[in-house]
PDB file of N, CA and C in Angstrom:
ATOM      1  N   MET A   1     157.012 136.264 114.120  1.00  0.00           N
ATOM      2  CA  MET A   1     157.077 137.160 112.960  1.00  0.00           C
ATOM      3  C   MET A   1     156.494 136.474 111.717  1.00  0.00           C
ATOM      4  N   CYS A   2     156.654 135.177 111.642  1.00  0.00           N
ATOM      5  CA  CYS A   2     156.219 134.456 110.445  1.00  0.00           C
ATOM      6  C   CYS A   2     154.700 134.501 110.285  1.00  0.00           C
ATOM      7  N   GLY A   3     153.973 134.596 111.398  1.00  0.00           N
ATOM      8  CA  GLY A   3     152.512 134.575 111.335  1.00  0.00           C
ATOM      9  C   GLY A   3     151.896 135.840 110.766  1.00  0.00           C
ATOM     10  N   ALA A   4     152.622 136.953 110.831  1.00  0.00           N
ATOM     11  CA  ALA A   4     152.042 138.242 110.426  1.00  0.00           C
ATOM     12  C   ALA A   4     151.661 138.310 108.945  1.00  0.00           C
ATOM     13  N   PRO A   5     152.538 137.916 108.016  1.00  0.00           N
ATOM     14  CA  PRO A   5     152.158 138.019 106.593  1.00  0.00           C
ATOM     15  C   PRO A   5     150.956 137.149 106.236  1.00  0.00           C
ATOM     16  N   THR A   6     150.877 135.946 106.815  1.00  0.00           N
ATOM     17  CA  THR A   6     149.757 135.060 106.505  1.00  0.00           C
ATOM     18  C   THR A   6     148.459 135.636 107.061  1.00  0.00           C
ATOM     19  N   ALA A   7     148.534 136.253 108.225  1.00  0.00           N
ATOM     20  CA  ALA A   7     147.350 136.886 108.822  1.00  0.00           C
ATOM     21  C   ALA A   7     146.871 138.031 107.944  1.00  0.00           C
ATOM     22  N   ALA A   8     147.822 138.787 107.413  1.00  0.00           N
ATOM     23  CA  ALA A   8     147.485 139.911 106.534  1.00  0.00           C
ATOM     24  C   ALA A   8     146.842 139.400 105.252  1.00  0.00           C
ATOM     25  N   ALA A   9     147.362 138.303 104.718  1.00  0.00           N
ATOM     26  CA  ALA A   9     146.817 137.715 103.490  1.00  0.00           C
ATOM     27  C   ALA A   9     145.400 137.206 103.740  1.00  0.00           C
ATOM     28  N   ALA A  10     145.194 136.581 104.897  1.00  0.00           N
ATOM     29  CA  ALA A  10     143.870 136.071 105.255  1.00  0.00           C
ATOM     30  C   ALA A  10     142.879 137.221 105.398  1.00  0.00           C
ATOM     31  N   ALA A  11     143.337 138.314 105.996  1.00  0.00           N
ATOM     32  CA  ALA A  11     142.485 139.495 106.171  1.00  0.00           C
ATOM     33  C   ALA A  11     142.096 140.066 104.815  1.00  0.00           C
ATOM     34  N   ALA A  12     143.060 140.135 103.916  1.00  0.00           N
ATOM     35  CA  ALA A  12     142.806 140.665 102.569  1.00  0.00           C
ATOM     36  C   ALA A  12     141.801 139.778 101.835  1.00  0.00           C
ATOM     37  N   ALA A  13     141.937 138.472 101.985  1.00  0.00           N
ATOM     38  CA  ALA A  13     141.024 137.530 101.338  1.00  0.00           C
ATOM     39  C   ALA A  13     139.611 137.696 101.890  1.00  0.00           C
ATOM     40  N   ALA A  14     139.506 137.875 103.209  1.00  0.00           N
ATOM     41  CA  ALA A  14     138.203 138.063 103.853  1.00  0.00           C
ATOM     42  C   ALA A  14     137.548 139.348 103.360  1.00  0.00           C
ATOM     43  N   VAL A  15     138.353 140.387 103.211  1.00  0.00           N
ATOM     44  CA  VAL A  15     137.849 141.689 102.759  1.00  0.00           C
ATOM     45  C   VAL A  15     137.346 141.593 101.324  1.00  0.00           C
ATOM     46  N   THR A  16     138.092 140.913 100.457  1.00  0.00           N
ATOM     47  CA  THR A  16     137.679 140.798  99.053  1.00  0.00           C
ATOM     48  C   THR A  16     136.408 139.957  98.945  1.00  0.00           C
ATOM     49  N   ALA A  17     136.298 138.925  99.776  1.00  0.00           N
ATOM     50  CA  ALA A  17     135.098 138.082  99.779  1.00  0.00           C
ATOM     51  C   ALA A  17     133.886 138.899 100.221  1.00  0.00           C
ATOM     52  N   ALA A  18     134.067 139.703 101.255  1.00  0.00           N
ATOM     53  CA  ALA A  18     132.981 140.552 101.764  1.00  0.00           C
ATOM     54  C   ALA A  18     132.599 141.601 100.727  1.00  0.00           C
ATOM     55  N   ALA A  19     133.596 142.122 100.025  1.00  0.00           N
ATOM     56  CA  ALA A  19     133.347 143.130  98.989  1.00  0.00           C
ATOM     57  C   ALA A  19     132.555 142.513  97.840  1.00  0.00           C
ATOM     58  N   ALA A  20     132.869 141.269  97.501  1.00  0.00           N
ATOM     59  CA  ALA A  20     132.148 140.569  96.432  1.00  0.00           C
ATOM     60  C   ALA A  20     130.687 140.368  96.828  1.00  0.00           C
ATOM     61  N   LYS A  21     130.467 140.020  98.094  1.00  0.00           N
ATOM     62  CA  LYS A  21     129.097 139.860  98.607  1.00  0.00           C
ATOM     63  C   LYS A  21     128.361 141.188  98.538  1.00  0.00           C
ATOM     64  N   ALA A  22     129.035 142.246  98.953  1.00  0.00           N
ATOM     65  CA  ALA A  22     128.431 143.583  98.976  1.00  0.00           C
ATOM     66  C   ALA A  22     128.063 144.020  97.561  1.00  0.00           C
ATOM     67  N   ALA A  23     128.926 143.701  96.600  1.00  0.00           N
ATOM     68  CA  ALA A  23     128.685 144.088  95.207  1.00  0.00           C
ATOM     69  C   ALA A  23     127.458 143.357  94.655  1.00  0.00           C
ATOM     70  N   ALA A  24     127.203 142.168  95.161  1.00  0.00           N
ATOM     71  CA  ALA A  24     126.057 141.376  94.700  1.00  0.00           C
ATOM     72  C   ALA A  24     124.740 141.960  95.210  1.00  0.00           C
ATOM     73  N   GLN A  25     124.811 142.751  96.263  1.00  0.00           N
ATOM     74  CA  GLN A  25     123.595 143.352  96.833  1.00  0.00           C
ATOM     75  C   GLN A  25     123.325 144.700  96.165  1.00  0.00           C
ATOM     76  N   PRO A  26     122.071 144.934  95.758  1.00  0.00           N
ATOM     77  CA  PRO A  26     121.765 146.161  95.024  1.00  0.00           C
ATOM     78  C   PRO A  26     121.776 147.438  95.867  1.00  0.00           C
ATOM     79  N   MET A  27     121.615 147.318  97.169  1.00  0.00           N
ATOM     80  CA  MET A  27     121.473 148.525  97.996  1.00  0.00           C
ATOM     81  C   MET A  27     122.833 149.130  98.331  1.00  0.00           C
ATOM     82  N   GLN A  28     122.998 150.411  97.989  1.00  0.00           N
ATOM     83  CA  GLN A  28     124.288 151.079  98.211  1.00  0.00           C
ATOM     84  C   GLN A  28     124.571 151.304  99.692  1.00  0.00           C
ATOM     85  N   GLN A  29     123.520 151.573 100.453  1.00  0.00           N
ATOM     86  CA  GLN A  29     123.716 151.843 101.890  1.00  0.00           C
ATOM     87  C   GLN A  29     124.412 150.666 102.564  1.00  0.00           C
ATOM     88  N   GLN A  30     123.962 149.475 102.244  1.00  0.00           N
ATOM     89  CA  GLN A  30     124.575 148.283 102.836  1.00  0.00           C
ATOM     90  C   GLN A  30     126.045 148.189 102.445  1.00  0.00           C
ATOM     91  N   GLN A  31     126.325 148.509 101.200  1.00  0.00           N
ATOM     92  CA  GLN A  31     127.715 148.473 100.728  1.00  0.00           C
ATOM     93  C   GLN A  31     128.573 149.430 101.552  1.00  0.00           C
ATOM     94  N   GLN A  32     128.066 150.631 101.755  1.00  0.00           N
ATOM     95  CA  GLN A  32     128.829 151.632 102.504  1.00  0.00           C
ATOM     96  C   GLN A  32     129.073 151.160 103.936  1.00  0.00           C
ATOM     97  N   GLN A  33     128.035 150.610 104.558  1.00  0.00           N
ATOM     98  CA  GLN A  33     128.185 150.121 105.931  1.00  0.00           C
ATOM     99  C   GLN A  33     129.228 149.006 105.992  1.00  0.00           C
ATOM    100  N   GLN A  34     129.135 148.082 105.063  1.00  0.00           N
ATOM    101  CA  GLN A  34     130.089 146.969 105.050  1.00  0.00           C
ATOM    102  C   GLN A  34     131.509 147.479 104.817  1.00  0.00           C
ATOM    103  N   HIS A  35     131.618 148.475 103.960  1.00  0.00           N
ATOM    104  CA  HIS A  35     132.935 149.038 103.662  1.00  0.00           C
ATOM    105  C   HIS A  35     133.546 149.644 104.935  1.00  0.00           C
ATOM    106  N   LYS A  36     132.717 150.347 105.696  1.00  0.00           N
ATOM    107  CA  LYS A  36     133.197 150.935 106.961  1.00  0.00           C
ATOM    108  C   LYS A  36     133.652 149.832 107.913  1.00  0.00           C
ATOM    109  N   GLN A  37     132.843 148.780 107.999  1.00  0.00           N
ATOM    110  CA  GLN A  37     133.185 147.668 108.887  1.00  0.00           C
ATOM    111  C   GLN A  37     134.502 147.020 108.459  1.00  0.00           C
ATOM    112  N   GLN A  38     134.678 146.866 107.156  1.00  0.00           N
ATOM    113  CA  GLN A  38     135.912 146.264 106.639  1.00  0.00           C
ATOM    114  C   GLN A  38     137.120 147.105 107.036  1.00  0.00           C
ATOM    115  N   GLN A  39     136.989 148.407 106.894  1.00  0.00           N
ATOM    116  CA  GLN A  39     138.103 149.290 107.249  1.00  0.00           C
ATOM    117  C   GLN A  39     138.440 149.153 108.734  1.00  0.00           C
ATOM    118  N   GLN A  40     137.398 149.099 109.561  1.00  0.00           N
ATOM    119  CA  GLN A  40     137.627 148.953 111.004  1.00  0.00           C
ATOM    120  C   GLN A  40     138.326 147.633 111.300  1.00  0.00           C
ATOM    121  N   GLN A  41     137.859 146.566 110.658  1.00  0.00           N
ATOM    122  CA  GLN A  41     138.468 145.256 110.877  1.00  0.00           C
ATOM    123  C   GLN A  41     139.937 145.269 110.470  1.00  0.00           C
ATOM    124  N   GLN A  42     140.223 145.872 109.331  1.00  0.00           N
ATOM    125  CA  GLN A  42     141.612 145.941 108.866  1.00  0.00           C
ATOM    126  C   GLN A  42     142.479 146.689 109.877  1.00  0.00           C
ATOM    127  N   GLN A  43     141.964 147.804 110.375  1.00  0.00           N
ATOM    128  CA  GLN A  43     142.723 148.595 111.345  1.00  0.00           C
ATOM    129  C   GLN A  43     142.986 147.783 112.603  1.00  0.00           C
ATOM    130  N   GLN A  44     141.949 147.072 113.077  1.00  0.00           N
ATOM    131  CA  GLN A  44     142.111 146.265 114.285  1.00  0.00           C
ATOM    132  C   GLN A  44     143.171 145.191 114.071  1.00  0.00           C
ATOM    133  N   GLN A  45     143.112 144.523 112.929  1.00  0.00           N
ATOM    134  CA  GLN A  45     144.079 143.464 112.651  1.00  0.00           C
ATOM    135  C   GLN A  45     145.490 144.024 112.551  1.00  0.00           C
ATOM    136  N   GLN A  46     145.625 145.172 111.932  1.00  0.00           N
ATOM    137  CA  GLN A  46     146.944 145.795 111.828  1.00  0.00           C
ATOM    138  C   GLN A  46     147.482 146.133 113.214  1.00  0.00           C
ATOM    139  N   GLN A  47     146.606 146.663 114.075  1.00  0.00           N
ATOM    140  CA  GLN A  47     147.029 146.997 115.440  1.00  0.00           C
ATOM    141  C   GLN A  47     147.491 145.740 116.170  1.00  0.00           C
ATOM    142  N   GLN A  48     146.720 144.657 116.027  1.00  0.00           N
ATOM    143  CA  GLN A  48     147.078 143.409 116.691  1.00  0.00           C
ATOM    144  C   GLN A  48     148.430 142.910 116.210  1.00  0.00           C
ATOM    145  N   GLN A  49     148.657 142.984 114.907  1.00  0.00           N
ATOM    146  CA  GLN A  49     149.938 142.540 114.352  1.00  0.00           C
ATOM    147  C   GLN A  49     151.084 143.383 114.898  1.00  0.00           C
ATOM    148  N   GLN A  50     150.883 144.688 114.963  1.00  0.00           N
ATOM    149  CA  GLN A  50     151.924 145.578 115.476  1.00  0.00           C
ATOM    150  C   GLN A  50     152.226 145.254 116.933  1.00  0.00           C
ATOM    151  N   GLU A  51     151.165 145.018 117.717  1.00  0.00           N
ATOM    152  CA  GLU A  51     151.355 144.688 119.132  1.00  0.00           C
ATOM    153  C   GLU A  51     152.154 143.400 119.264  1.00  0.00           C
ATOM    154  N   GLN A  52     151.797 142.416 118.443  1.00  0.00           N
ATOM    155  CA  GLN A  52     152.491 141.131 118.465  1.00  0.00           C
ATOM    156  C   GLN A  52     153.976 141.317 118.165  1.00  0.00           C
ATOM    157  N   GLN A  53     154.256 142.077 117.144  1.00  0.00           N
ATOM    158  CA  GLN A  53     155.648 142.314 116.755  1.00  0.00           C
ATOM    159  C   GLN A  53     156.402 143.039 117.867  1.00  0.00           C
ATOM    160  N   GLN A  54     155.756 144.011 118.498  1.00  0.00           N
ATOM    161  CA  GLN A  54     156.395 144.746 119.594  1.00  0.00           C
ATOM    162  C   GLN A  54     156.723 143.804 120.744  1.00  0.00           C
ATOM    163  N   GLN A  55     155.761 142.932 121.079  1.00  0.00           N
ATOM    164  CA  GLN A  55     155.982 141.981 122.165  1.00  0.00           C
ATOM    165  C   GLN A  55     157.155 141.066 121.842  1.00  0.00           C
ATOM    166  N   GLU A  56     157.197 140.585 120.594  1.00  0.00           N
ATOM    167  CA  GLU A  56     158.285 139.694 120.189  1.00  0.00           C
ATOM    168  C   GLU A  56     159.629 140.412 120.277  1.00  0.00           C
ATOM    169  N   GLN A  57     159.662 141.661 119.850  1.00  0.00           N
ATOM    170  CA  GLN A  57     160.900 142.440 119.912  1.00  0.00           C
ATOM    171  C   GLN A  57     161.337 142.626 121.362  1.00  0.00           C
ATOM    172  N   GLN A  58     160.379 142.912 122.243  1.00  0.00           N
ATOM    173  CA  GLN A  58     160.702 143.097 123.660  1.00  0.00           C
ATOM    174  C   GLN A  58     161.298 141.815 124.234  1.00  0.00           C
ATOM    175  N   GLN A  59     160.678 140.687 123.901  1.00  0.00           N
ATOM    176  CA  GLN A  59     161.175 139.406 124.400  1.00  0.00           C
ATOM    177  C   GLN A  59     162.600 139.164 123.927  1.00  0.00           C
ATOM    178  N   GLN A  60     162.853 139.435 122.651  1.00  0.00           N
ATOM    179  CA  GLN A  60     164.198 139.242 122.102  1.00  0.00           C
ATOM    180  C   GLN A  60     165.206 140.130 122.832  1.00  0.00           C
ATOM    181  N   GLN A  61     164.829 141.380 123.071  1.00  0.00           N
ATOM    182  CA  GLN A  61     165.724 142.307 123.764  1.00  0.00           C
ATOM    183  C   GLN A  61     166.025 141.811 125.173  1.00  0.00           C
ATOM    184  N   GLU A  62     164.998 141.326 125.857  1.00  0.00           N
ATOM    185  CA  GLU A  62     165.182 140.827 127.225  1.00  0.00           C
ATOM    186  C   GLU A  62     166.144 139.640 127.227  1.00  0.00           C
ATOM    187  N   GLN A  63     165.952 138.754 126.265  1.00  0.00           N
ATOM    188  CA  GLN A  63     166.833 137.581 126.174  1.00  0.00           C
ATOM    189  C   GLN A  63     168.277 138.015 125.926  1.00  0.00           C
ATOM    190  N   GLN A  64     168.473 138.984 125.066  1.00  0.00           N
ATOM    191  CA  GLN A  64     169.820 139.477 124.773  1.00  0.00           C
ATOM    192  C   GLN A  64     170.448 140.091 126.020  1.00  0.00           C
ATOM    193  N   GLN A  65     169.665 140.861 126.764  1.00  0.00           N
ATOM    194  CA  GLN A  65     170.177 141.489 127.985  1.00  0.00           C
ATOM    195  C   GLN A  65     170.608 140.423 128.986  1.00  0.00           C
ATOM    196  N   GLN A  66     169.782 139.404 129.163  1.00  0.00           N
ATOM    197  CA  GLN A  66     170.113 138.329 130.093  1.00  0.00           C
ATOM    198  C   GLN A  66     171.404 137.636 129.664  1.00  0.00           C
ATOM    199  N   HIS A  67     171.526 137.421 128.379  1.00  0.00           N
ATOM    200  CA  HIS A  67     172.710 136.756 127.834  1.00  0.00           C
ATOM    201  C   HIS A  67     173.968 137.580 128.125  1.00  0.00           C
ATOM    202  N   GLN A  68     173.868 138.872 127.944  1.00  0.00           N
ATOM    203  CA  GLN A  68     174.999 139.767 128.210  1.00  0.00           C
ATOM    204  C   GLN A  68     175.367 139.728 129.694  1.00  0.00           C
ATOM    205  N   GLN A  69     174.368 139.731 130.555  1.00  0.00           N
ATOM    206  CA  GLN A  69     174.616 139.687 132.002  1.00  0.00           C
ATOM    207  C   GLN A  69     175.332 138.390 132.373  1.00  0.00           C
ATOM    208  N   ASN A  70     174.892 137.294 131.782  1.00  0.00           N
ATOM    209  CA  ASN A  70     175.506 135.991 132.055  1.00  0.00           C
ATOM    210  C   ASN A  70     176.975 135.999 131.659  1.00  0.00           C
ATOM    211  N   GLN A  71     177.287 136.583 130.522  1.00  0.00           N
ATOM    212  CA  GLN A  71     178.674 136.641 130.049  1.00  0.00           C
ATOM    213  C   GLN A  71     179.532 137.458 131.015  1.00  0.00           C
ATOM    214  N   GLN A  72     178.987 138.543 131.515  1.00  0.00           N
ATOM    215  CA  GLN A  72     179.728 139.398 132.443  1.00  0.00           C
ATOM    216  C   GLN A  72     180.007 138.651 133.744  1.00  0.00           C
ATOM    217  N   GLN A  73     179.043 137.889 134.219  1.00  0.00           N
ATOM    218  CA  GLN A  73     179.207 137.150 135.466  1.00  0.00           C
ATOM    219  C   GLN A  73     180.302 136.092 135.336  1.00  0.00           C
ATOM    220  N   GLN A  74     180.380 135.466 134.180  1.00  0.00           N
ATOM    221  CA  GLN A  74     181.379 134.411 133.964  1.00  0.00           C
ATOM    222  C   GLN A  74     182.796 134.969 134.052  1.00  0.00           C
ATOM    223  N   ARG A  75     182.982 136.180 133.582  1.00  0.00           N
ATOM    224  CA  ARG A  75     184.303 136.811 133.680  1.00  0.00           C
ATOM    225  C   ARG A  75     184.608 137.076 135.156  1.00  0.00           C
TER     226      ARG A  75
END
């Protein structure tokens, strides 16, 4: 879970850097294309983060279930 905020911050930094580069270029078409690419990259990164969090939650749930089963067996 700790890795997600830093990944988001890194993504935001990359996007702002790319936007600064795009602003330096006079052609609007290139800016629009880069903007589309940035949006796609952001979406992909968000999806990856969500998947990671889901996997971590599943693992935690599995561990809890195993722990509960162990307690029942001891009784």
